[in-house]
Protein backbone atom coordinates (compact mmCIF):
# COMPACT_ATOMS: atom_id res chain seq x y z
CA MET A 1 -0.01 0.03 -0.12
CA GLN A 2 0.94 3.48 -0.57
CA ILE A 3 -0.58 6.67 1.15
CA GLU A 4 -0.93 9.77 -1.01
CA PHE A 5 -2.03 13.05 0.98
CA LEU A 6 -3.71 14.73 -1.71
CA GLY A 7 -4.67 17.69 1.07
CA SER A 8 -3.03 17.92 4.29
CA GLY A 9 -4.94 21.19 5.38
CA GLY A 10 -7.94 21.60 7.74
CA ALA A 11 -11.25 23.44 7.49
CA ILE A 12 -9.33 26.53 6.96
CA PRO A 13 -6.60 25.37 4.31
CA THR A 14 -3.46 27.46 3.92
CA PRO A 15 -3.31 30.17 2.47
CA ARG A 16 -6.68 31.76 3.67
CA PRO A 17 -7.74 34.17 1.18
CA GLY A 18 -7.08 37.78 1.91
CA CYS A 19 -4.65 36.84 4.83
CA THR A 20 -1.39 38.40 4.75
CA CYS A 21 0.21 36.81 8.06
CA ARG A 22 3.25 35.12 7.62
CA ILE A 23 2.04 31.74 7.05
CA CYS A 24 -0.22 32.56 4.22
CA THR A 25 2.27 34.93 2.53
CA GLU A 26 4.65 32.29 2.58
CA ALA A 27 2.40 29.75 1.28
CA ARG A 28 1.22 32.14 -1.48
CA GLU A 29 4.54 32.87 -2.73
CA ARG A 30 6.17 28.97 -2.48
CA GLY A 31 3.28 27.03 -2.84
CA VAL A 32 3.78 23.16 -1.61
CA PRO A 33 4.70 22.24 0.69
CA PHE A 34 4.02 25.53 2.59
CA SER A 35 0.33 25.61 1.12
CA ARG A 36 -2.28 23.01 2.30
CA GLY A 37 -5.36 22.07 0.63
CA GLY A 38 -8.61 20.75 2.05
CA PRO A 39 -8.30 17.02 4.05
CA SER A 40 -8.39 14.11 1.77
CA VAL A 41 -6.12 11.07 1.06
CA PHE A 42 -5.62 8.37 -1.37
CA VAL A 43 -4.90 4.68 -0.77
CA HIS A 44 -2.80 3.30 -3.53
CA GLY A 45 -3.15 -0.68 -3.59
CA PRO A 46 -6.81 -0.74 -2.91
CA ASP A 47 -7.46 2.36 -4.82
CA ILE A 48 -9.66 4.18 -2.27
CA LEU A 49 -10.19 8.08 -1.91
CA ILE A 50 -11.06 9.10 1.51
CA ASP A 51 -13.36 12.37 1.58
CA THR A 52 -13.77 15.25 -1.06
CA PRO A 53 -13.11 18.69 0.07
CA GLU A 54 -14.04 21.71 -1.90
CA ASP A 55 -10.67 21.76 -3.83
CA ILE A 56 -10.31 18.04 -4.61
CA ARG A 57 -10.26 18.96 -8.17
CA GLN A 58 -7.13 20.56 -8.12
CA GLU A 59 -5.76 18.18 -5.70
CA LEU A 60 -6.64 15.13 -8.03
CA ASN A 61 -5.01 17.24 -10.92
CA ARG A 62 -1.43 17.21 -9.64
CA SER A 63 -1.59 13.71 -7.95
CA ARG A 64 -0.59 10.30 -9.06
CA VAL A 65 -4.36 9.33 -9.18
CA ALA A 66 -5.36 7.92 -12.56
CA HIS A 67 -8.78 6.82 -11.56
CA VAL A 68 -10.94 6.40 -8.44
CA PRO A 69 -12.73 3.11 -8.33
CA ALA A 70 -13.96 3.66 -4.68
CA CYS A 71 -14.62 6.34 -1.77
CA LEU A 72 -15.12 6.45 1.71
CA TYR A 73 -16.49 9.04 3.52
CA SER A 74 -15.49 9.46 7.16
CA HIS A 75 -18.34 12.04 8.20
CA TRP A 76 -20.43 14.69 7.09
CA HIS A 77 -18.49 18.11 7.96
CA PRO A 78 -18.29 20.26 4.56
CA ASP A 79 -14.48 20.23 4.55
CA HIS A 80 -14.70 16.50 3.92
CA VAL A 81 -17.63 16.34 1.89
CA ALA A 82 -18.23 19.74 -0.44
CA GLY A 83 -16.54 18.61 -3.28
CA LEU A 84 -18.39 15.47 -3.95
CA ARG A 85 -19.32 16.67 -7.59
CA ILE A 86 -15.82 15.77 -8.47
CA PHE A 87 -17.27 12.29 -9.67
CA GLU A 88 -19.04 14.09 -12.39
CA SER A 89 -15.85 15.10 -13.84
CA LEU A 90 -13.91 12.20 -13.20
CA ASN A 91 -16.33 9.87 -14.67
CA LEU A 92 -19.12 11.37 -17.11
CA ASP A 93 -18.69 10.44 -20.54
CA LEU A 94 -20.49 13.66 -21.75
CA TRP A 95 -20.29 13.61 -25.65
CA ARG A 96 -19.82 9.90 -26.66
CA TRP A 97 -22.94 7.86 -27.86
CA PRO A 98 -23.80 5.54 -26.37
CA HIS A 99 -22.51 6.64 -23.08
CA GLN A 100 -19.53 4.73 -21.37
CA HIS A 101 -19.11 6.21 -18.13
CA ARG A 102 -16.84 5.31 -15.52
CA CYS A 103 -18.49 4.73 -12.19
CA THR A 104 -17.14 5.18 -8.56
CA ASP A 105 -18.32 2.58 -5.56
CA VAL A 106 -19.26 5.36 -2.99
CA TYR A 107 -19.22 3.75 0.66
CA LEU A 108 -21.04 5.38 3.35
CA PRO A 109 -20.76 4.10 7.08
CA ARG A 110 -24.10 4.04 8.72
CA GLN A 111 -23.98 7.08 10.69
CA VAL A 112 -22.54 8.99 7.79
CA ALA A 113 -25.34 8.00 5.34
CA ALA A 114 -27.73 9.27 7.90
CA ASP A 115 -26.33 12.65 8.35
CA PHE A 116 -26.04 12.99 4.73
CA ARG A 117 -29.75 12.62 4.61
CA ARG A 118 -30.14 15.33 7.10
CA GLN A 119 -27.22 17.79 6.11
CA ARG A 120 -26.72 20.25 3.18
CA GLY A 121 -28.47 18.21 0.46
CA TYR A 122 -25.60 15.66 0.17
CA TRP A 123 -28.01 12.61 -0.14
CA GLU A 124 -29.63 14.56 -2.96
CA GLN A 125 -26.29 15.17 -4.67
CA LEU A 126 -25.35 11.65 -4.54
CA THR A 127 -28.77 10.48 -5.74
CA TYR A 128 -28.48 12.82 -8.72
CA LEU A 129 -24.55 11.46 -9.70
CA GLN A 130 -26.04 7.90 -9.35
CA GLN A 131 -28.85 8.84 -11.59
CA LEU A 132 -26.21 9.97 -13.84
CA GLY A 133 -24.50 6.59 -13.54
CA VAL A 134 -21.01 7.98 -12.23
CA VAL A 135 -21.29 6.59 -8.73
CA ARG A 136 -22.89 3.76 -6.94
CA VAL A 137 -23.73 4.24 -3.41
CA THR A 138 -23.44 1.40 -0.73
CA VAL A 139 -24.40 2.13 2.92
CA LEU A 140 -22.33 -0.03 5.25
CA ASN A 141 -23.88 -1.36 8.74
CA ASP A 142 -21.52 -1.08 11.42
CA GLY A 143 -19.39 -4.04 11.69
CA ASP A 144 -19.19 -4.35 7.79
CA ALA A 145 -15.62 -4.66 6.43
CA PRO A 146 -15.59 -4.53 2.73
CA GLU A 147 -12.82 -6.21 0.73
CA PHE A 148 -10.88 -4.19 -1.97
CA GLY A 149 -8.90 -7.00 -3.67
CA ASP A 150 -6.75 -8.38 -0.57
CA VAL A 151 -7.05 -5.45 1.54
CA ARG A 152 -9.98 -5.28 4.10
CA VAL A 153 -11.09 -2.11 5.31
CA ARG A 154 -12.80 -2.16 8.71
CA GLN A 155 -14.71 0.93 10.02
CA LEU A 156 -14.07 2.29 13.57
CA ARG A 157 -16.59 4.76 15.23
CA LEU A 158 -14.65 7.27 17.16
CA ALA A 159 -15.68 8.97 20.45
CA GLU A 160 -17.72 11.46 18.41
CA GLN A 161 -20.38 8.77 16.87
CA TYR A 162 -20.65 10.57 13.59
CA VAL A 163 -17.14 10.08 12.67
CA TYR A 164 -15.33 7.25 11.51
CA ALA A 165 -11.73 6.09 11.04
CA PHE A 166 -10.82 3.23 8.85
CA LEU A 167 -8.26 0.20 9.37
CA PHE A 168 -6.69 -1.16 6.20
CA GLU A 169 -5.40 -4.60 6.51
CA GLY A 170 -3.46 -6.47 3.56
CA GLY A 171 -0.48 -7.59 2.21
CA GLY A 172 0.68 -8.28 5.89
CA LYS A 173 0.47 -4.42 6.68
CA ARG A 174 -2.15 -2.61 8.92
CA VAL A 175 -3.02 1.37 8.37
CA LEU A 176 -5.17 3.35 10.57
CA VAL A 177 -6.55 6.41 8.91
CA ALA A 178 -8.52 8.86 11.26
CA PRO A 179 -9.25 12.14 8.97
CA ASP A 180 -10.49 14.07 11.73
CA GLU A 181 -12.38 14.75 15.18
CA LEU A 182 -10.28 12.64 17.67
CA TRP A 183 -11.78 14.59 20.57
CA GLY A 184 -12.31 12.14 23.58
CA TRP A 185 -11.06 8.96 21.68
CA GLN A 186 -8.77 6.46 23.52
CA PRO A 187 -7.30 3.62 21.27
CA PRO A 188 -9.23 0.43 21.86
CA ALA A 189 -6.96 -2.34 23.35
CA GLY A 190 -7.82 -4.85 20.69
CA LEU A 191 -6.61 -2.54 17.94
CA GLY A 192 -3.04 -4.30 17.51
CA THR A 193 -0.03 -3.36 16.17
CA LEU A 194 -0.07 -0.84 13.21
CA ASP A 195 2.38 -0.24 10.47
CA LEU A 196 1.10 3.21 10.15
CA ALA A 197 -1.31 5.65 12.01
CA VAL A 198 -2.47 8.85 9.87
CA LEU A 199 -4.38 11.33 12.47
CA PRO A 200 -5.26 14.85 12.45
CA MET A 201 -2.81 17.10 14.47
CA GLY A 202 -5.43 18.87 16.71
CA ILE A 203 -5.30 22.28 17.34
CA ALA A 204 -2.47 24.17 18.86
CA GLU A 205 -3.76 24.91 22.27
CA PHE A 206 -0.11 26.12 23.21
CA ASP A 207 2.58 27.47 21.31
CA PRO A 208 4.78 24.62 20.56
CA PHE A 209 8.09 26.54 20.93
CA THR A 210 7.34 28.77 23.93
CA GLY A 211 4.45 27.00 25.72
CA GLU A 212 2.34 30.24 25.81
CA ARG A 213 -1.33 29.57 25.65
CA ARG A 214 -2.62 30.68 22.27
CA ILE A 215 -6.48 29.44 22.78
CA ASP A 216 -8.25 30.99 25.81
CA GLU A 217 -9.04 28.02 28.09
CA ARG A 218 -12.73 29.27 28.20
CA HIS A 219 -13.08 28.63 24.24
CA PRO A 220 -15.75 26.39 23.23
CA VAL A 221 -13.65 24.76 20.83
CA LEU A 222 -11.56 22.83 23.63
CA LYS A 223 -14.75 20.91 24.33
CA SER A 224 -15.28 19.61 20.91
CA GLU A 225 -11.77 19.68 19.16
CA ALA A 226 -8.76 17.57 20.18
CA THR A 227 -5.59 19.51 20.96
CA PHE A 228 -2.18 18.87 19.34
CA ASP A 229 -1.05 17.65 23.12
CA GLN A 230 -3.97 15.20 23.13
CA THR A 231 -3.29 13.79 19.82
CA LEU A 232 0.27 13.17 20.95
CA ALA A 233 -1.29 11.31 23.95
CA ILE A 234 -3.30 9.20 21.54
CA VAL A 235 -0.10 8.38 19.42
CA ARG A 236 1.69 7.30 22.65
CA GLY A 237 -1.46 5.02 23.33
CA LEU A 238 -1.28 3.60 19.92
CA ARG A 239 1.09 0.36 18.72
CA ALA A 240 2.03 2.04 15.78
CA ARG A 241 5.39 1.98 14.09
CA ARG A 242 4.90 5.49 12.50
CA ALA A 243 2.57 8.21 12.98
CA ILE A 244 1.75 10.95 10.41
CA LEU A 245 -0.46 14.20 11.30
CA THR A 246 -2.48 15.97 8.92
CA HIS A 247 -5.39 18.01 8.93
CA ILE A 248 -3.28 21.09 9.67
CA GLU A 249 -5.17 24.40 10.40
CA GLU A 250 -4.26 27.59 9.31
CA PRO A 251 -5.20 29.56 12.28
CA ASP A 252 -2.47 27.47 14.31
CA GLY A 253 -0.12 29.65 12.49
CA LEU A 254 2.56 26.65 11.84
CA SER A 255 4.52 26.89 8.70
CA TYR A 256 6.21 23.67 6.96
CA ASP A 257 9.45 24.79 8.44
CA ASP A 258 7.69 25.42 11.92
CA LEU A 259 6.73 21.90 11.73
CA ALA A 260 9.85 20.36 10.68
CA ARG A 261 11.24 21.65 13.73
CA ILE A 262 8.81 20.19 15.78
CA GLU A 263 9.13 16.88 14.19
CA GLY A 264 12.73 17.06 15.27
CA ARG A 265 12.17 17.45 18.84
CA LEU A 266 9.43 14.69 18.96
CA ARG A 267 11.77 12.18 17.55
CA ARG A 268 14.60 13.17 19.89
CA GLU A 269 11.97 12.13 22.28
CA GLY A 270 11.43 9.14 21.03
CA LEU A 271 8.34 9.35 18.78
CA ASP A 272 8.31 8.41 15.11
CA VAL A 273 6.16 11.32 14.36
CA SER A 274 6.04 13.36 11.03
CA PHE A 275 3.74 15.82 9.75
CA ALA A 276 2.10 15.39 6.40
CA TYR A 277 2.31 18.20 3.27
CA ASP A 278 0.23 17.90 0.07
CA THR A 279 1.44 15.45 -2.61
CA LEU A 280 3.36 13.37 0.16
CA LEU A 281 3.59 9.67 -0.91
CA VAL A 282 4.38 7.08 1.72
CA ASP A 283 5.28 3.56 1.16
CA VAL A 284 3.90 1.32 3.64
């Protein structure tokens, strides 16, 4: 398996339009790896796309991905879903007659499917794409573990019950991909040893260099979003040979170079933790 990080940003990618801060100015001038698109990864081998942010079109165009036979959605938040019309561009055979559309199998965990029916017209959009013949929707029950060639994908509900992580098992390798929302989650005892864990970075409650508090302790975000320190505690609780952190938010004010410094410090502390960037390709 190979993991390709199509977009390593969060709900607010980098650069933020109109922002002239150090992080955004540098990203605008230098591009990748200083700039970050919305959160999405592609797992080569089983060839599965996970989530479609608004800028998935640009992310796929610069990627190594030639076709998307399958897609998994982790939860309903717009930064992970709002680009779902991409399947029309990817698969629609517009002018040829008779049509020879390609089709992507879209898999929705049970709670994600329920949320799609309630949130922002996602279900109606998928229904339209299914009518066009460019997607085929399957709703997964909790406990279902679809197989893609020799790779099995298990669903893991996180502490926030509307969001899922995915465990890829095949070829003697085990990879956990948790796209977002680790707040309150503890790795289950039976999860076993992982070759790679892909996790959201978490928000920078404290400046990672000075220790100064960056987010007021009364801020409600701290009651719904995992912090960077909490994510590191999860990493320490996982039996993972390597961890890569993604979903890096522009408001945290950390550049690619800043994250490289933090990476070096964590490795000196004995943690094999690195930070994703757009276009990163990782062999497992």
